[in-house]
Every structure is written in structure tokens, then in C-alpha cells.
Protein backbone atom coordinates (compact mmCIF):
# COMPACT_ATOMS: atom_id res chain seq x y z
CA MET A 1 0.00 0.00 0.00
CA ALA A 2 1.35 3.41 -0.94
CA PRO A 3 1.68 5.96 1.88
CA SER A 4 -1.06 8.57 2.14
CA GLU A 5 -0.49 12.21 1.24
CA PRO A 6 1.15 14.24 4.01
CA LYS A 7 -1.12 16.71 5.76
CA SER A 8 -0.23 19.45 8.20
CA VAL A 9 -1.45 18.82 11.75
CA TRP A 10 0.20 21.81 13.44
CA ASN A 11 1.04 25.12 11.80
CA VAL A 12 3.84 25.61 14.33
CA ALA A 13 6.08 27.51 11.84
CA ALA A 14 9.24 25.94 13.24
CA ALA A 15 12.49 27.59 12.26
CA LEU A 16 14.19 24.20 12.52
CA GLY A 17 11.82 21.43 13.58
CA GLU A 18 13.67 18.28 14.69
CA GLY A 19 13.77 15.21 16.92
CA PRO A 20 10.22 13.83 16.65
CA VAL A 21 9.50 10.91 18.98
CA TRP A 22 6.28 9.11 19.92
CA THR A 23 5.99 8.42 23.63
CA GLY A 24 3.20 8.47 26.19
CA GLY A 25 0.52 8.62 23.51
CA ALA A 26 1.82 11.87 22.03
CA LEU A 27 4.32 13.20 19.52
CA TRP A 28 7.17 15.23 21.00
CA PHE A 29 9.56 17.34 18.90
CA THR A 30 11.77 20.39 19.10
CA ASP A 31 12.39 23.67 17.33
CA ILE A 32 16.13 24.01 17.66
CA LYS A 33 16.53 27.65 16.69
CA GLN A 34 13.52 28.94 18.64
CA GLN A 35 14.62 26.88 21.67
CA LYS A 36 11.26 25.13 22.08
CA ILE A 37 10.00 21.68 22.98
CA HIS A 38 6.57 20.83 21.58
CA ARG A 39 3.99 18.13 22.36
CA PHE A 40 1.12 17.15 20.03
CA ASP A 41 -1.71 14.86 21.19
CA PRO A 42 -3.54 13.59 18.08
CA ALA A 43 -6.40 12.08 20.12
CA THR A 44 -7.47 15.45 21.49
CA GLY A 45 -5.65 17.87 19.23
CA GLY A 46 -3.92 19.17 22.33
CA ARG A 47 -0.74 21.19 21.88
CA ALA A 48 1.77 22.31 24.47
CA SER A 49 5.17 24.00 24.33
CA TRP A 50 8.06 24.56 26.70
CA ALA A 51 10.93 27.03 26.47
CA ALA A 52 14.44 25.57 26.63
CA PRO A 53 17.39 27.56 28.00
CA GLU A 54 19.51 26.74 24.94
CA GLN A 55 19.11 25.35 21.44
CA VAL A 56 17.58 21.88 21.87
CA GLY A 57 18.01 19.12 19.28
CA PHE A 58 16.02 16.25 20.81
CA VAL A 59 13.98 15.01 23.77
CA LEU A 60 13.85 11.27 24.43
CA PRO A 61 12.02 9.43 27.22
CA ALA A 62 14.04 8.50 30.30
CA GLN A 63 13.68 5.53 32.59
CA GLY A 64 11.90 6.63 35.74
CA GLY A 65 10.01 9.39 33.93
CA GLY A 66 10.79 12.66 32.26
CA PHE A 67 13.12 13.08 29.32
CA VAL A 68 16.73 13.42 28.32
CA ALA A 69 17.18 16.58 26.25
CA GLY A 70 20.09 17.33 23.96
CA LEU A 71 20.93 20.98 24.53
CA MET A 72 23.81 22.99 23.14
CA SER A 73 25.88 22.43 26.29
CA GLY A 74 25.18 18.73 26.74
CA LEU A 75 22.67 16.18 27.97
CA HIS A 76 20.06 17.48 30.42
CA ARG A 77 17.17 15.95 32.35
CA PHE A 78 13.91 17.65 31.32
CA ASP A 79 10.85 17.53 33.59
CA GLU A 80 7.75 18.35 31.60
CA ALA A 81 5.69 18.89 34.77
CA THR A 82 7.83 21.79 35.93
CA GLY A 83 9.58 22.76 32.69
CA SER A 84 12.92 22.47 34.45
CA PHE A 85 16.26 21.31 33.05
CA SER A 86 19.16 19.81 35.00
CA LEU A 87 22.56 18.94 33.57
CA ILE A 88 23.48 15.25 33.30
CA VAL A 89 26.77 15.62 31.45
CA GLU A 90 28.50 18.52 29.72
CA MET A 91 29.60 17.93 26.14
CA GLU A 92 32.60 19.32 24.28
CA PRO A 93 33.38 22.35 26.46
CA ASP A 94 36.43 22.86 24.24
CA ARG A 95 34.13 23.36 21.23
CA PRO A 96 31.79 26.21 22.25
CA ASN A 97 30.43 26.60 18.73
CA ASN A 98 29.15 23.02 18.66
CA ARG A 99 25.66 21.88 19.67
CA LEU A 100 23.82 18.58 20.00
CA ASN A 101 21.59 17.82 17.04
CA ASP A 102 19.87 14.42 16.99
CA GLY A 103 19.70 11.16 18.94
CA VAL A 104 18.22 7.68 19.25
CA VAL A 105 17.83 5.06 22.01
CA ASP A 106 18.77 1.41 21.44
CA PRO A 107 17.00 -1.63 22.94
CA ALA A 108 19.53 -1.71 25.80
CA GLY A 109 18.65 1.86 26.82
CA ARG A 110 21.85 3.39 25.44
CA LEU A 111 21.54 6.87 23.93
CA TRP A 112 23.40 7.50 20.68
CA PHE A 113 23.66 11.13 19.60
CA GLY A 114 25.65 13.56 17.48
CA THR A 115 27.20 16.98 17.85
CA MET A 116 27.73 19.49 15.05
CA ASP A 117 29.05 22.93 14.20
CA ASN A 118 26.30 25.45 14.90
CA GLY A 119 27.50 27.37 11.84
CA GLU A 120 27.06 24.20 9.75
CA THR A 121 30.45 24.47 8.04
CA GLU A 122 33.31 23.30 10.29
CA LYS A 123 33.92 19.55 10.56
CA THR A 124 33.86 19.56 14.35
CA GLY A 125 30.91 17.21 14.87
CA ALA A 126 31.04 13.64 16.15
CA PHE A 127 28.81 10.79 17.29
CA TYR A 128 28.76 9.60 20.90
CA ARG A 129 27.22 6.88 23.07
CA PHE A 130 25.74 7.59 26.52
CA GLU A 131 25.41 4.52 28.73
CA ARG A 132 24.28 4.84 32.36
CA GLY A 133 26.04 8.10 33.01
CA ILE A 134 29.12 7.54 30.89
CA VAL A 135 29.73 9.17 27.49
CA SER A 136 31.98 7.35 25.02
CA ARG A 137 33.31 8.32 21.62
CA THR A 138 32.19 6.10 18.76
CA GLY A 139 35.06 6.94 16.40
CA LEU A 140 32.66 8.61 13.95
CA GLU A 141 33.89 12.21 13.81
CA GLY A 142 35.10 15.01 11.56
CA ILE A 143 31.55 15.81 10.39
CA ALA A 144 30.08 19.31 9.96
CA ILE A 145 26.39 18.34 10.25
CA THR A 146 25.63 15.03 11.97
CA ASN A 147 22.12 13.59 11.72
CA GLY A 148 20.60 10.54 13.28
CA PRO A 149 21.82 8.13 14.24
CA ALA A 150 19.18 5.43 13.78
CA LEU A 151 19.21 1.73 14.60
CA SER A 152 18.06 -1.49 13.00
CA PRO A 153 15.13 -3.15 14.84
CA ASP A 154 17.44 -5.48 16.79
CA GLY A 155 19.93 -2.71 17.56
CA THR A 156 22.83 -4.39 15.75
CA ILE A 157 23.28 -1.82 12.94
CA LEU A 158 23.79 1.90 13.46
CA TYR A 159 22.94 4.25 10.58
CA PHE A 160 24.52 7.71 10.68
CA VAL A 161 24.28 10.74 8.40
CA ASP A 162 26.83 13.25 7.15
CA THR A 163 24.40 15.81 5.75
CA ARG A 164 26.83 18.08 3.91
CA ALA A 165 28.54 15.09 2.29
CA GLY A 166 25.15 13.66 1.29
CA THR A 167 25.94 10.26 2.78
CA ILE A 168 24.31 7.72 5.06
CA GLY A 169 26.73 5.23 6.56
CA ALA A 170 26.27 2.05 8.56
CA ALA A 171 28.28 0.21 11.21
CA ASP A 172 27.69 -2.99 13.16
CA VAL A 173 27.05 -2.62 16.89
CA ALA A 174 28.66 -5.19 19.20
CA PRO A 175 26.82 -6.32 22.36
CA ASP A 176 29.01 -4.01 24.45
CA GLY A 177 28.17 -1.03 22.24
CA ALA A 178 31.45 -0.92 20.32
CA LEU A 179 31.12 -0.09 16.63
CA GLY A 180 32.59 -2.08 13.78
CA ALA A 181 34.07 -0.50 10.69
CA ALA A 182 31.91 2.12 9.00
CA ARG A 183 30.63 1.29 5.51
CA PRO A 184 28.62 3.22 2.90
CA PHE A 185 24.87 2.69 2.88
CA VAL A 186 23.32 5.38 0.65
CA ARG A 187 24.54 8.53 -1.07
CA ILE A 188 22.07 11.28 -2.00
CA ASP A 189 22.76 13.38 -5.09
CA PRO A 190 22.92 17.05 -3.96
CA ALA A 191 20.51 17.89 -6.78
CA ASP A 192 17.90 15.82 -4.90
CA GLY A 193 18.44 17.49 -1.52
CA PHE A 194 20.47 16.69 1.58
CA PRO A 195 19.89 13.71 3.89
CA ASP A 196 18.61 14.82 7.26
CA GLY A 197 17.15 12.75 10.09
CA PRO A 198 16.75 8.97 9.60
CA ALA A 199 14.18 6.60 11.13
CA VAL A 200 13.88 2.81 10.83
CA ASP A 201 10.60 0.89 10.55
CA ALA A 202 9.71 -2.59 11.81
CA GLU A 203 11.00 -4.25 8.64
CA GLY A 204 14.40 -2.59 9.03
CA TYR A 205 13.86 -0.17 6.15
CA VAL A 206 15.42 3.27 6.58
CA TRP A 207 13.35 6.41 6.09
CA ILE A 208 15.26 9.63 5.50
CA GLY A 209 13.99 13.20 5.35
CA LEU A 210 15.53 15.34 2.61
CA TYR A 211 16.41 18.94 3.41
CA ALA A 212 15.80 21.09 0.31
CA GLY A 213 14.50 17.94 -1.35
CA TRP A 214 10.69 18.16 -0.89
CA GLU A 215 10.35 14.51 0.11
CA ALA A 216 11.05 11.62 2.45
CA ARG A 217 12.53 8.41 1.07
CA ARG A 218 12.42 4.77 2.16
CA TYR A 219 15.43 2.53 1.56
CA SER A 220 15.71 -1.24 1.94
CA PRO A 221 18.36 -2.73 4.26
CA ALA A 222 20.38 -3.27 1.06
CA GLY A 223 20.27 0.47 0.30
CA GLU A 224 17.72 0.28 -2.53
CA LEU A 225 15.27 3.16 -2.93
CA VAL A 226 11.82 1.57 -2.59
CA GLY A 227 9.49 4.47 -1.78
CA ARG A 228 9.15 8.21 -1.57
CA VAL A 229 6.61 10.67 -0.16
CA ARG A 230 6.40 14.16 -1.62
CA PHE A 231 5.64 17.18 0.57
CA PRO A 232 4.35 20.69 -0.14
CA VAL A 233 7.44 22.08 1.61
CA ALA A 234 11.13 21.76 0.78
CA ASN A 235 12.85 21.05 4.10
CA ILE A 236 11.93 17.68 5.62
CA THR A 237 14.05 17.14 8.72
CA LYS A 238 13.00 13.85 10.34
CA LEU A 239 10.23 11.22 10.66
CA ALA A 240 8.87 9.32 13.65
CA PHE A 241 6.18 6.64 13.79
CA GLY A 242 3.24 7.02 16.16
CA GLY A 243 -0.40 6.34 16.84
CA GLU A 244 -1.73 3.21 18.52
CA ASP A 245 -0.55 1.03 15.63
CA LEU A 246 2.68 2.99 15.00
CA ARG A 247 1.59 3.39 11.38
CA THR A 248 1.18 7.16 11.43
CA ALA A 249 4.39 8.80 10.27
CA TYR A 250 5.01 12.28 11.64
CA ALA A 251 7.47 14.61 9.92
CA THR A 252 9.11 17.76 11.22
CA THR A 253 10.05 20.48 8.73
CA ALA A 254 11.95 23.78 8.73
CA ARG A 255 11.78 27.40 7.59
CA GLN A 256 15.48 27.99 8.19
CA HIS A 257 17.35 29.39 5.17
CA LEU A 258 14.13 30.07 3.20
CA ARG A 259 13.85 33.52 1.68
CA PRO A 260 10.61 35.54 2.15
CA GLY A 261 9.42 34.70 -1.35
CA GLU A 262 10.01 31.00 -0.74
CA ILE A 263 8.00 31.10 2.48
CA GLU A 264 5.15 32.77 0.58
CA ARG A 265 5.18 29.82 -1.84
CA GLN A 266 5.52 27.35 1.06
CA PRO A 267 3.12 28.66 3.73
CA GLN A 268 3.26 25.30 5.54
CA ALA A 269 7.05 25.34 5.86
CA GLY A 270 7.96 24.52 9.46
CA ASP A 271 4.71 22.65 10.09
CA LEU A 272 4.34 19.23 11.69
CA PHE A 273 2.97 16.77 9.10
CA GLU A 274 1.50 13.29 9.27
CA PHE A 275 0.79 10.51 6.78
CA ARG A 276 -0.15 6.84 7.02
CA VAL A 277 2.19 3.97 6.14
CA ASP A 278 1.71 0.23 5.66
CA VAL A 279 4.70 -0.90 7.72
CA PRO A 280 4.71 0.32 11.34
CA GLY A 281 7.57 1.82 13.21
CA LEU A 282 9.03 0.64 16.50
CA PRO A 283 8.37 1.91 20.03
CA CYS A 284 11.06 4.19 21.46
CA PRO A 285 12.92 2.65 24.42
CA ALA A 286 13.66 4.83 27.45
CA VAL A 287 17.18 6.10 28.15
CA ALA A 288 18.86 4.30 31.04
CA ILE A 289 20.27 7.12 33.16
């Protein structure tokens, strides 16, 4: 069955929407540049927003309640009841122009996340693993704009994105969290847009949002393009699967870098979109703090 047409469910006008995740019966996401965390409840249409003290790339559920938020300075505990943030671990104090951008939780509760140059040009970004209070380097570094990572359903393959290079790579994950050698997975022609946030469905197929590409794509585990969904806006940043059956795909989008005339032609730029898919996603595990 072909996916349905995307429709806007929240005209939130995000400068840089990112990090969608389905948890607790709602879709959570961020607006990095406006320093906001948003919650959308499709059952009631309810919408709520929280101000973050810094640019915030993602919020992911934490064991014991609350969230882990990726702020510019590092990983923080976020309490939605009070709106408070508390530092868990500082990241890259020697790189003040870097920020955290995107993250994912594996079945063991480990948090994998990336840092990047806030100016989007210097190759100062890297991918890290957070496991029960300890941050480790993965060896994936020297990247200007990191996106993802994402994981295969069993957590044994890590997919990671170098947006400026237009590449999605893959690496095997050992039981102890160590990564094997990185290998190419997919390369996106710059004429088609730039790969942004990835998400993996229950069949192990990789969905990727295309920034400046007007679409999201679905790739097989062998790297074959098997599906695409066109949007009425250019900048698709990331997908997440939600709803009771995990077959509603939500997509964050962005207004960043669009000129006034382009926004006039794309009035839904920055909106939160949804569409239905045949293959469901996977539930998001909680981060083991």
C-alpha cells in the first residue's frame, strides 16, 4: 500500500523542527533555533510547548520518567511537569560553537547522539554513546552536520548521516556497544536534496527526510530506494512513527534558510505533518540514566 499524502497537523512555523519521537501517547519534537520543545496529542488535538534555556536538538524518554534533552551544552534531564532542566553531562566544552543535534535510544537503553558545528560548516561534529552516566566516543567524527543516528530493529546496525557530504553510513554494533568498521549505505545526489534525520521501521527499512528535497525516502536494508513521499514544503528534517498502531508517520520540517518569497510559496514550511504507512515503526525505548 502506498503511503497517504502528508497533511499538516500543526502550523507551528518551526524555524528548525527536529527530533520527533512518539511516547506516552503523544508526539514530541523540538524547534532548535527557537529553543522550544513541543507536544502534540492527536487524540485530542492538544498542543503544548516549553521554552528551553539553549538550542535543543532532541527530547527522548528517560527511565523513571521525564526526558533526556540534547541541549547545546550537553545532555540534560527535562521535567515536563515543571519545565525544568538539570545537567546530566556537559559535552565538548572545548568546542563552544558546537551543539547537539539528533539522537536515538537502542533496545539496551543506550543513547546515541551527534554533535555538530552550529554554523554548519566546520567539521567539528562527532557521534557519541551515553550509557548509564558515561559518554563514550564512537570513532565517527570530523563531520560538519551530523544527523541521526538510527538503529536497525534489533539494535545491531547503526545508521549515521553526514548531511553536507550527502551520505548515510552504517556500522555494526557489538553487544558491548562498540562499533565495527563504517561502511557506505546510501549517497544522496545534492541535486535531490540533503539527507537529514533517519528513522527505521519494523522491517528494518530506513526512512530519510531530505532537506531542500521536498520529500522523504524509504530505503531497503540493502540500500535500494523503494518508496518516496512528496511534501508541499522543501525542508523535511525527520520522521517518527506514532499512533496506537505505530503506522502514522510524523514529519518535522523547517523554515530555516528560506527567503521571504520562498515562504510565501511554502506557507506550511515549518509545520508538523503526518501521513499513514503500511509498515509500522518501532516503540522508542527509554534512556537508562
